[in-house]
């Protein structure tokens, strides 16, 4: 559920008309709903019941400081994949012991910053990375807490670009090699393996891939227990999908009811219950439907048998349709009783792949009217760019009838900040 709704044929964000927000902020603009963020996080958190758990929000989904701060106040930790995301998480007060660090290409300065901050755990992707982490930690006189990311070779049933749990992908360690790699890691003096991590993809709308992958993880944990290797954390990753079009993903409660029996009944060899904390990394399911991208129709173009709505938002603002052929619902901000037509909704970027929708049946729009691209809160602004030297758009947060600008629109001066033109003609 989200808090974007029509009142008298006009789209509102909570208690504010979207048209009024645009009058203050212009277009294109990202608009987020506080109540939706709060509702989604609490639904996910409550679904764990009494299970010892930590929700580490996937910062890559939407890294705005205001969003991170709100989630931190609700008790979220952070799942990060870069030094920049570490900086953002610490900047808003997320405790370092609630931060886990994933990603296949961690660099020395990033590892050093995370070690000095004393994060909860590094999710390690390869033996060379583990050796390097051991070296970096040793140079600082520290011990790095770590987990192997294991690859269970499970098909997640999602777009190939966001599938991460198959053998062919760059992520993780083959689960069949994991036992030996855990044993091998005992030789490293500055790394302590405290957990196990699995993440099979994003926008997954079925429970079975999660259940199947975690069943493999639990078998591995039993083997590790037999070798005297005690696991304190199971990081189950994220990836739970949302509704963009006609998907019917499980609710957080349905999702956790399916997987918790698989992972909560683990016992040690002596029969005593294992003290294992569950870490989860939701991103899209928290912020995806909490945000929209509002744009203005610039021109209505007819070309042979094709109809185009040319809008002021482009693939640099929301790349998912171009990159994944992803579907986002498109709605008029003000409904009018008009016939429908099949159109391509395209932006001003100089690329044929610049579109928000293709061959979409929409009500007729006229130049100057506003449209909302829905479910744009995740992987929207966070994947945006300055391609074609376009300033990135503002982000605003609505709480009730109040509007907060949480990122200003970039200026042309922002585009050239840090650039310098050398005097190449100066004689030596």
Foldseek 3Di string as FASTA:
>chain_A
DAQWDDDQQFTDQFAHTVVVVCVVFNPFEKEFEPVLLVVLVVQLVCLCPPAFAAEAAECLFPPQLVSLLSVVVVPHHHEEAALVSVCSNVVSPRQQQRYEYEYADYDLVSLLVSVVSPHNEYAYADPVRLVVSLVSQVVVVAAGEYAFEEQDQFALPDFPVFFARHPVHSGTHHLVCVLVVVVVCVVRDRYAYAAYEYDGGAQRQDLVSLQVSLLSVLVSQQVCLVVVRAHAEYESEEHFRDDFDPGDGDRSNVNCVRRCVSPQQDAHPVRHGHNHYYYYHYYLSSFQQRMKTKWFFAAWDDDPPATEGEIADKCLQFVCCLPRVDHWDKAFSGDDPAAWDFHWYAYDAPDPSITRDHRDIDGDDHGGTMMIGGRQRTRGRSRHDCPVNAWHGWYWYDYNHDIGTSGHTDDSVVSCPPPDDDDPPDDD
